């Protein structure tokens, strides 16, 4: 997971939500720009990139729904054979 928020805000979010995964802080938006997810107004779109062990993007989900994101993630990972 990546966010354009500062490290401190991401750390607080992770702690509050008992996240069991790392959250990349991208406050200067370098990574967001590189992946083409930065919208006008400097917010990042909620897209999921499925990247294989070789670093090749296998799928981009551009219709992420926060309510179903977990189940969608598992379904897509299974379909892709990860």
PDB file of N, CA and C in Angstrom:
ATOM      1  N   UNK A   1       0.845  -1.162   0.000  1.00  0.00           N
ATOM      2  CA  UNK A   1       0.000   0.000   0.000  1.00  0.00           C
ATOM      3  C   UNK A   1       0.896   1.231   0.000  1.00  0.00           C
ATOM      4  N   UNK A   2       0.452   2.254  -0.696  1.00  0.00           N
ATOM      5  CA  UNK A   2       1.196   3.509  -0.755  1.00  0.00           C
ATOM      6  C   UNK A   2       0.227   4.660  -0.547  1.00  0.00           C
ATOM      7  N   UNK A   3       0.737   5.727   0.022  1.00  0.00           N
ATOM      8  CA  UNK A   3      -0.077   6.904   0.285  1.00  0.00           C
ATOM      9  C   UNK A   3       0.769   8.152   0.065  1.00  0.00           C
ATOM     10  N   UNK A   4       0.122   9.223  -0.378  1.00  0.00           N
ATOM     11  CA  UNK A   4       0.840  10.482  -0.551  1.00  0.00           C
ATOM     12  C   UNK A   4       0.951  11.241   0.778  1.00  0.00           C
ATOM     13  N   UNK A   5       0.439  10.651   1.850  1.00  0.00           N
ATOM     14  CA  UNK A   5       0.571  11.272   3.171  1.00  0.00           C
ATOM     15  C   UNK A   5       1.996  11.119   3.691  1.00  0.00           C
ATOM     16  N   UNK A   6       2.325  11.945   4.668  1.00  0.00           N
ATOM     17  CA  UNK A   6       3.642  11.869   5.295  1.00  0.00           C
ATOM     18  C   UNK A   6       3.760  10.606   6.140  1.00  0.00           C
ATOM     19  N   UNK A   7       4.996  10.196   6.401  1.00  0.00           N
ATOM     20  CA  UNK A   7       5.287   8.980   7.152  1.00  0.00           C
ATOM     21  C   UNK A   7       4.548   8.948   8.489  1.00  0.00           C
ATOM     22  N   UNK A   8       4.533  10.064   9.194  1.00  0.00           N
ATOM     23  CA  UNK A   8       3.892  10.106  10.511  1.00  0.00           C
ATOM     24  C   UNK A   8       2.393   9.792  10.415  1.00  0.00           C
ATOM     25  N   UNK A   9       1.743  10.321   9.409  1.00  0.00           N
ATOM     26  CA  UNK A   9       0.302  10.067   9.240  1.00  0.00           C
ATOM     27  C   UNK A   9       0.063   8.608   8.858  1.00  0.00           C
ATOM     28  N   UNK A  10       0.911   8.065   7.977  1.00  0.00           N
ATOM     29  CA  UNK A  10       0.775   6.661   7.596  1.00  0.00           C
ATOM     30  C   UNK A  10       1.021   5.735   8.781  1.00  0.00           C
ATOM     31  N   UNK A  11       2.007   6.067   9.601  1.00  0.00           N
ATOM     32  CA  UNK A  11       2.311   5.269  10.783  1.00  0.00           C
ATOM     33  C   UNK A  11       1.130   5.272  11.744  1.00  0.00           C
ATOM     34  N   UNK A  12       0.531   6.434  11.957  1.00  0.00           N
ATOM     35  CA  UNK A  12      -0.642   6.538  12.835  1.00  0.00           C
ATOM     36  C   UNK A  12      -1.818   5.741  12.271  1.00  0.00           C
ATOM     37  N   UNK A  13      -2.030   5.830  10.947  1.00  0.00           N
ATOM     38  CA  UNK A  13      -3.097   5.084  10.292  1.00  0.00           C
ATOM     39  C   UNK A  13      -2.886   3.584  10.476  1.00  0.00           C
ATOM     40  N   UNK A  14      -1.658   3.131  10.243  1.00  0.00           N
ATOM     41  CA  UNK A  14      -1.343   1.706  10.371  1.00  0.00           C
ATOM     42  C   UNK A  14      -1.574   1.225  11.797  1.00  0.00           C
ATOM     43  N   UNK A  15      -1.164   2.013  12.756  1.00  0.00           N
ATOM     44  CA  UNK A  15      -1.343   1.635  14.158  1.00  0.00           C
ATOM     45  C   UNK A  15      -2.824   1.605  14.523  1.00  0.00           C
ATOM     46  N   UNK A  16      -3.556   2.626  14.132  1.00  0.00           N
ATOM     47  CA  UNK A  16      -4.984   2.726  14.440  1.00  0.00           C
ATOM     48  C   UNK A  16      -5.779   1.565  13.844  1.00  0.00           C
ATOM     49  N   UNK A  17      -5.373   1.115  12.668  1.00  0.00           N
ATOM     50  CA  UNK A  17      -6.095   0.058  11.967  1.00  0.00           C
ATOM     51  C   UNK A  17      -5.438  -1.315  12.088  1.00  0.00           C
ATOM     52  N   UNK A  18      -4.426  -1.416  12.942  1.00  0.00           N
ATOM     53  CA  UNK A  18      -3.706  -2.666  13.176  1.00  0.00           C
ATOM     54  C   UNK A  18      -3.256  -3.306  11.860  1.00  0.00           C
ATOM     55  N   UNK A  19      -2.699  -2.492  10.977  1.00  0.00           N
ATOM     56  CA  UNK A  19      -2.240  -2.975   9.677  1.00  0.00           C
ATOM     57  C   UNK A  19      -1.117  -3.996   9.865  1.00  0.00           C
ATOM     58  N   UNK A  20      -1.187  -5.052   9.099  1.00  0.00           N
ATOM     59  CA  UNK A  20      -0.171  -6.106   9.167  1.00  0.00           C
ATOM     60  C   UNK A  20       0.689  -6.107   7.906  1.00  0.00           C
ATOM     61  N   UNK A  21       0.745  -4.965   7.235  1.00  0.00           N
ATOM     62  CA  UNK A  21       1.500  -4.815   5.999  1.00  0.00           C
ATOM     63  C   UNK A  21       2.126  -3.427   5.984  1.00  0.00           C
ATOM     64  N   UNK A  22       3.184  -3.246   5.237  1.00  0.00           N
ATOM     65  CA  UNK A  22       3.837  -1.933   5.185  1.00  0.00           C
ATOM     66  C   UNK A  22       3.034  -0.934   4.347  1.00  0.00           C
ATOM     67  N   UNK A  23       3.167   0.327   4.695  1.00  0.00           N
ATOM     68  CA  UNK A  23       2.542   1.415   3.943  1.00  0.00           C
ATOM     69  C   UNK A  23       3.656   2.364   3.514  1.00  0.00           C
ATOM     70  N   UNK A  24       3.814   2.519   2.219  1.00  0.00           N
ATOM     71  CA  UNK A  24       4.836   3.400   1.675  1.00  0.00           C
ATOM     72  C   UNK A  24       4.363   4.846   1.773  1.00  0.00           C
ATOM     73  N   UNK A  25       5.185   5.703   2.337  1.00  0.00           N
ATOM     74  CA  UNK A  25       4.890   7.132   2.384  1.00  0.00           C
ATOM     75  C   UNK A  25       5.518   7.788   1.155  1.00  0.00           C
ATOM     76  N   UNK A  26       4.694   8.463   0.370  1.00  0.00           N
ATOM     77  CA  UNK A  26       5.139   9.109  -0.866  1.00  0.00           C
ATOM     78  C   UNK A  26       4.727  10.587  -0.855  1.00  0.00           C
ATOM     79  N   UNK A  27       5.165  11.341   0.172  1.00  0.00           N
ATOM     80  CA  UNK A  27       4.698  12.728   0.286  1.00  0.00           C
ATOM     81  C   UNK A  27       5.159  13.642  -0.844  1.00  0.00           C
ATOM     82  N   UNK A  28       6.286  13.310  -1.482  1.00  0.00           N
ATOM     83  CA  UNK A  28       6.729  14.143  -2.612  1.00  0.00           C
ATOM     84  C   UNK A  28       6.123  13.673  -3.938  1.00  0.00           C
ATOM     85  N   UNK A  29       5.336  12.582  -3.853  1.00  0.00           N
ATOM     86  CA  UNK A  29       4.543  12.058  -4.974  1.00  0.00           C
ATOM     87  C   UNK A  29       5.378  11.517  -6.141  1.00  0.00           C
ATOM     88  N   UNK A  30       6.626  11.184  -5.891  1.00  0.00           N
ATOM     89  CA  UNK A  30       7.509  10.644  -6.923  1.00  0.00           C
ATOM     90  C   UNK A  30       6.980   9.322  -7.474  1.00  0.00           C
ATOM     91  N   UNK A  31       6.657   8.397  -6.588  1.00  0.00           N
ATOM     92  CA  UNK A  31       6.159   7.097  -7.003  1.00  0.00           C
ATOM     93  C   UNK A  31       4.776   7.220  -7.633  1.00  0.00           C
ATOM     94  N   UNK A  32       3.926   8.042  -7.071  1.00  0.00           N
ATOM     95  CA  UNK A  32       2.573   8.226  -7.607  1.00  0.00           C
ATOM     96  C   UNK A  32       2.611   8.764  -9.033  1.00  0.00           C
ATOM     97  N   UNK A  33       3.507   9.686  -9.281  1.00  0.00           N
ATOM     98  CA  UNK A  33       3.672  10.221 -10.642  1.00  0.00           C
ATOM     99  C   UNK A  33       4.194   9.137 -11.578  1.00  0.00           C
ATOM    100  N   UNK A  34       5.178   8.367 -11.121  1.00  0.00           N
ATOM    101  CA  UNK A  34       5.789   7.328 -11.956  1.00  0.00           C
ATOM    102  C   UNK A  34       4.773   6.264 -12.365  1.00  0.00           C
ATOM    103  N   UNK A  35       3.830   5.944 -11.481  1.00  0.00           N
ATOM    104  CA  UNK A  35       2.818   4.936 -11.788  1.00  0.00           C
ATOM    105  C   UNK A  35       1.571   5.531 -12.441  1.00  0.00           C
ATOM    106  N   UNK A  36       1.546   6.844 -12.629  1.00  0.00           N
ATOM    107  CA  UNK A  36       0.436   7.484 -13.328  1.00  0.00           C
ATOM    108  C   UNK A  36      -0.859   7.550 -12.551  1.00  0.00           C
ATOM    109  N   UNK A  37      -0.774   7.528 -11.221  1.00  0.00           N
ATOM    110  CA  UNK A  37      -1.998   7.533 -10.415  1.00  0.00           C
ATOM    111  C   UNK A  37      -2.331   8.898  -9.817  1.00  0.00           C
ATOM    112  N   UNK A  38      -1.467   9.874 -10.031  1.00  0.00           N
ATOM    113  CA  UNK A  38      -1.689  11.183  -9.428  1.00  0.00           C
ATOM    114  C   UNK A  38      -2.766  11.945 -10.194  1.00  0.00           C
ATOM    115  N   UNK A  39      -3.769  12.377  -9.467  1.00  0.00           N
ATOM    116  CA  UNK A  39      -4.871  13.137 -10.066  1.00  0.00           C
ATOM    117  C   UNK A  39      -4.607  14.624  -9.872  1.00  0.00           C
ATOM    118  N   UNK A  40      -5.385  15.447 -10.547  1.00  0.00           N
ATOM    119  CA  UNK A  40      -5.308  16.889 -10.310  1.00  0.00           C
ATOM    120  C   UNK A  40      -5.661  17.139  -8.848  1.00  0.00           C
ATOM    121  N   UNK A  41      -5.011  18.087  -8.242  1.00  0.00           N
ATOM    122  CA  UNK A  41      -5.235  18.338  -6.826  1.00  0.00           C
ATOM    123  C   UNK A  41      -4.306  17.532  -5.949  1.00  0.00           C
ATOM    124  N   UNK A  42      -3.433  16.764  -6.563  1.00  0.00           N
ATOM    125  CA  UNK A  42      -2.360  16.000  -5.919  1.00  0.00           C
ATOM    126  C   UNK A  42      -2.823  14.820  -5.066  1.00  0.00           C
ATOM    127  N   UNK A  43      -3.997  14.288  -5.341  1.00  0.00           N
ATOM    128  CA  UNK A  43      -4.433  13.059  -4.680  1.00  0.00           C
ATOM    129  C   UNK A  43      -4.135  11.879  -5.594  1.00  0.00           C
ATOM    130  N   UNK A  44      -3.824  10.745  -4.987  1.00  0.00           N
ATOM    131  CA  UNK A  44      -3.559   9.547  -5.774  1.00  0.00           C
ATOM    132  C   UNK A  44      -4.840   8.737  -5.918  1.00  0.00           C
ATOM    133  N   UNK A  45      -5.046   8.197  -7.106  1.00  0.00           N
ATOM    134  CA  UNK A  45      -6.182   7.320  -7.343  1.00  0.00           C
ATOM    135  C   UNK A  45      -5.947   5.988  -6.651  1.00  0.00           C
ATOM    136  N   UNK A  46      -7.009   5.317  -6.259  1.00  0.00           N
ATOM    137  CA  UNK A  46      -6.906   4.008  -5.616  1.00  0.00           C
ATOM    138  C   UNK A  46      -6.868   2.930  -6.684  1.00  0.00           C
ATOM    139  N   UNK A  47      -5.679   2.599  -7.107  1.00  0.00           N
ATOM    140  CA  UNK A  47      -5.470   1.533  -8.072  1.00  0.00           C
ATOM    141  C   UNK A  47      -4.631   0.452  -7.408  1.00  0.00           C
ATOM    142  N   UNK A  48      -4.838  -0.789  -7.800  1.00  0.00           N
ATOM    143  CA  UNK A  48      -4.023  -1.883  -7.307  1.00  0.00           C
ATOM    144  C   UNK A  48      -3.190  -2.427  -8.459  1.00  0.00           C
ATOM    145  N   UNK A  49      -1.880  -2.464  -8.246  1.00  0.00           N
ATOM    146  CA  UNK A  49      -0.948  -3.012  -9.228  1.00  0.00           C
ATOM    147  C   UNK A  49      -0.517  -4.390  -8.741  1.00  0.00           C
ATOM    148  N   UNK A  50      -0.673  -5.387  -9.578  1.00  0.00           N
ATOM    149  CA  UNK A  50      -0.233  -6.742  -9.269  1.00  0.00           C
ATOM    150  C   UNK A  50       1.082  -6.956  -9.999  1.00  0.00           C
ATOM    151  N   UNK A  51       2.158  -7.044  -9.234  1.00  0.00           N
ATOM    152  CA  UNK A  51       3.510  -7.096  -9.788  1.00  0.00           C
ATOM    153  C   UNK A  51       4.128  -8.446  -9.421  1.00  0.00           C
ATOM    154  N   UNK A  52       4.621  -9.160 -10.424  1.00  0.00           N
ATOM    155  CA  UNK A  52       5.189 -10.483 -10.155  1.00  0.00           C
ATOM    156  C   UNK A  52       6.603 -10.385  -9.587  1.00  0.00           C
ATOM    157  N   UNK A  53       7.187 -11.535  -9.288  1.00  0.00           N
ATOM    158  CA  UNK A  53       8.518 -11.587  -8.676  1.00  0.00           C
ATOM    159  C   UNK A  53       9.600 -10.978  -9.551  1.00  0.00           C
ATOM    160  N   UNK A  54       9.361 -10.934 -10.853  1.00  0.00           N
ATOM    161  CA  UNK A  54      10.329 -10.349 -11.781  1.00  0.00           C
ATOM    162  C   UNK A  54      10.168  -8.844 -11.921  1.00  0.00           C
ATOM    163  N   UNK A  55       9.156  -8.292 -11.229  1.00  0.00           N
ATOM    164  CA  UNK A  55       8.914  -6.858 -11.296  1.00  0.00           C
ATOM    165  C   UNK A  55       8.035  -6.434 -12.458  1.00  0.00           C
ATOM    166  N   UNK A  56       7.378  -7.402 -13.088  1.00  0.00           N
ATOM    167  CA  UNK A  56       6.513  -7.107 -14.229  1.00  0.00           C
ATOM    168  C   UNK A  56       5.071  -6.945 -13.756  1.00  0.00           C
ATOM    169  N   UNK A  57       4.440  -5.857 -14.170  1.00  0.00           N
ATOM    170  CA  UNK A  57       3.043  -5.624 -13.810  1.00  0.00           C
ATOM    171  C   UNK A  57       2.176  -6.607 -14.586  1.00  0.00           C
ATOM    172  N   UNK A  58       1.433  -7.435 -13.861  1.00  0.00           N
ATOM    173  CA  UNK A  58       0.569  -8.434 -14.473  1.00  0.00           C
ATOM    174  C   UNK A  58      -0.867  -7.945 -14.632  1.00  0.00           C
ATOM    175  N   UNK A  59      -1.274  -7.014 -13.783  1.00  0.00           N
ATOM    176  CA  UNK A  59      -2.654  -6.514 -13.823  1.00  0.00           C
ATOM    177  C   UNK A  59      -2.701  -5.191 -13.079  1.00  0.00           C
ATOM    178  N   UNK A  60      -3.563  -4.303 -13.555  1.00  0.00           N
ATOM    179  CA  UNK A  60      -3.847  -3.054 -12.847  1.00  0.00           C
ATOM    180  C   UNK A  60      -5.350  -2.991 -12.649  1.00  0.00           C
ATOM    181  N   UNK A  61      -5.766  -2.931 -11.397  1.00  0.00           N
ATOM    182  CA  UNK A  61      -7.191  -2.791 -11.077  1.00  0.00           C
ATOM    183  C   UNK A  61      -7.451  -1.313 -10.831  1.00  0.00           C
ATOM    184  N   UNK A  62      -8.159  -0.668 -11.761  1.00  0.00           N
ATOM    185  CA  UNK A  62      -8.430   0.756 -11.670  1.00  0.00           C
ATOM    186  C   UNK A  62      -9.794   1.059 -11.051  1.00  0.00           C
ATOM    187  N   UNK A  63     -10.495   0.011 -10.618  1.00  0.00           N
ATOM    188  CA  UNK A  63     -11.816   0.195 -10.019  1.00  0.00           C
ATOM    189  C   UNK A  63     -11.831  -0.370  -8.605  1.00  0.00           C
ATOM    190  N   UNK A  64     -10.945   0.128  -7.758  1.00  0.00           N
ATOM    191  CA  UNK A  64     -10.830  -0.359  -6.396  1.00  0.00           C
ATOM    192  C   UNK A  64     -11.964   0.206  -5.545  1.00  0.00           C
ATOM    193  N   UNK A  65     -12.664  -0.693  -4.892  1.00  0.00           N
ATOM    194  CA  UNK A  65     -13.737  -0.324  -3.974  1.00  0.00           C
ATOM    195  C   UNK A  65     -13.247  -0.648  -2.562  1.00  0.00           C
ATOM    196  N   UNK A  66     -13.064   0.354  -1.701  1.00  0.00           N
ATOM    197  CA  UNK A  66     -12.545   0.089  -0.356  1.00  0.00           C
ATOM    198  C   UNK A  66     -13.351  -0.957   0.419  1.00  0.00           C
ATOM    199  N   UNK A  67     -14.634  -1.063   0.171  1.00  0.00           N
ATOM    200  CA  UNK A  67     -15.473  -2.036   0.896  1.00  0.00           C
ATOM    201  C   UNK A  67     -15.199  -3.483   0.483  1.00  0.00           C
ATOM    202  N   UNK A  68     -14.775  -3.679  -0.758  1.00  0.00           N
ATOM    203  CA  UNK A  68     -14.547  -5.050  -1.243  1.00  0.00           C
ATOM    204  C   UNK A  68     -13.095  -5.304  -1.617  1.00  0.00           C
ATOM    205  N   UNK A  69     -12.220  -4.353  -1.324  1.00  0.00           N
ATOM    206  CA  UNK A  69     -10.824  -4.430  -1.765  1.00  0.00           C
ATOM    207  C   UNK A  69     -10.120  -5.702  -1.296  1.00  0.00           C
ATOM    208  N   UNK A  70     -10.338  -6.110  -0.071  1.00  0.00           N
ATOM    209  CA  UNK A  70      -9.676  -7.313   0.445  1.00  0.00           C
ATOM    210  C   UNK A  70     -10.068  -8.554  -0.331  1.00  0.00           C
ATOM    211  N   UNK A  71     -11.364  -8.756  -0.498  1.00  0.00           N
ATOM    212  CA  UNK A  71     -11.860  -9.927  -1.243  1.00  0.00           C
ATOM    213  C   UNK A  71     -11.440  -9.852  -2.707  1.00  0.00           C
ATOM    214  N   UNK A  72     -11.481  -8.651  -3.280  1.00  0.00           N
ATOM    215  CA  UNK A  72     -11.061  -8.472  -4.672  1.00  0.00           C
ATOM    216  C   UNK A  72      -9.587  -8.811  -4.831  1.00  0.00           C
ATOM    217  N   UNK A  73      -8.788  -8.393  -3.875  1.00  0.00           N
ATOM    218  CA  UNK A  73      -7.353  -8.658  -3.906  1.00  0.00           C
ATOM    219  C   UNK A  73      -7.080 -10.157  -3.899  1.00  0.00           C
ATOM    220  N   UNK A  74      -7.727 -10.868  -2.990  1.00  0.00           N
ATOM    221  CA  UNK A  74      -7.538 -12.318  -2.899  1.00  0.00           C
ATOM    222  C   UNK A  74      -7.980 -12.999  -4.197  1.00  0.00           C
ATOM    223  N   UNK A  75      -9.137 -12.598  -4.737  1.00  0.00           N
ATOM    224  CA  UNK A  75      -9.640 -13.188  -5.977  1.00  0.00           C
ATOM    225  C   UNK A  75      -8.660 -12.957  -7.129  1.00  0.00           C
ATOM    226  N   UNK A  76      -8.163 -11.737  -7.252  1.00  0.00           N
ATOM    227  CA  UNK A  76      -7.229 -11.418  -8.338  1.00  0.00           C
ATOM    228  C   UNK A  76      -5.901 -12.139  -8.173  1.00  0.00           C
ATOM    229  N   UNK A  77      -5.398 -12.220  -6.958  1.00  0.00           N
ATOM    230  CA  UNK A  77      -4.143 -12.942  -6.716  1.00  0.00           C
ATOM    231  C   UNK A  77      -4.289 -14.412  -7.073  1.00  0.00           C
ATOM    232  N   UNK A  78      -5.435 -14.994  -6.719  1.00  0.00           N
ATOM    233  CA  UNK A  78      -5.696 -16.395  -7.045  1.00  0.00           C
ATOM    234  C   UNK A  78      -5.789 -16.592  -8.552  1.00  0.00           C
ATOM    235  N   UNK A  79      -6.539 -15.725  -9.217  1.00  0.00           N
ATOM    236  CA  UNK A  79      -6.700 -15.805 -10.667  1.00  0.00           C
ATOM    237  C   UNK A  79      -5.356 -15.684 -11.381  1.00  0.00           C
ATOM    238  N   UNK A  80      -4.489 -14.803 -10.882  1.00  0.00           N
ATOM    239  CA  UNK A  80      -3.185 -14.588 -11.499  1.00  0.00           C
ATOM    240  C   UNK A  80      -2.161 -15.671 -11.122  1.00  0.00           C
ATOM    241  N   UNK A  81      -2.517 -16.516 -10.155  1.00  0.00           N
ATOM    242  CA  UNK A  81      -1.630 -17.591  -9.759  1.00  0.00           C
ATOM    243  C   UNK A  81      -0.514 -17.183  -8.814  1.00  0.00           C
ATOM    244  N   UNK A  82      -0.717 -16.097  -8.091  1.00  0.00           N
ATOM    245  CA  UNK A  82       0.290 -15.644  -7.124  1.00  0.00           C
ATOM    246  C   UNK A  82       0.209 -16.462  -5.857  1.00  0.00           C
TER     247      UNK A  82
END
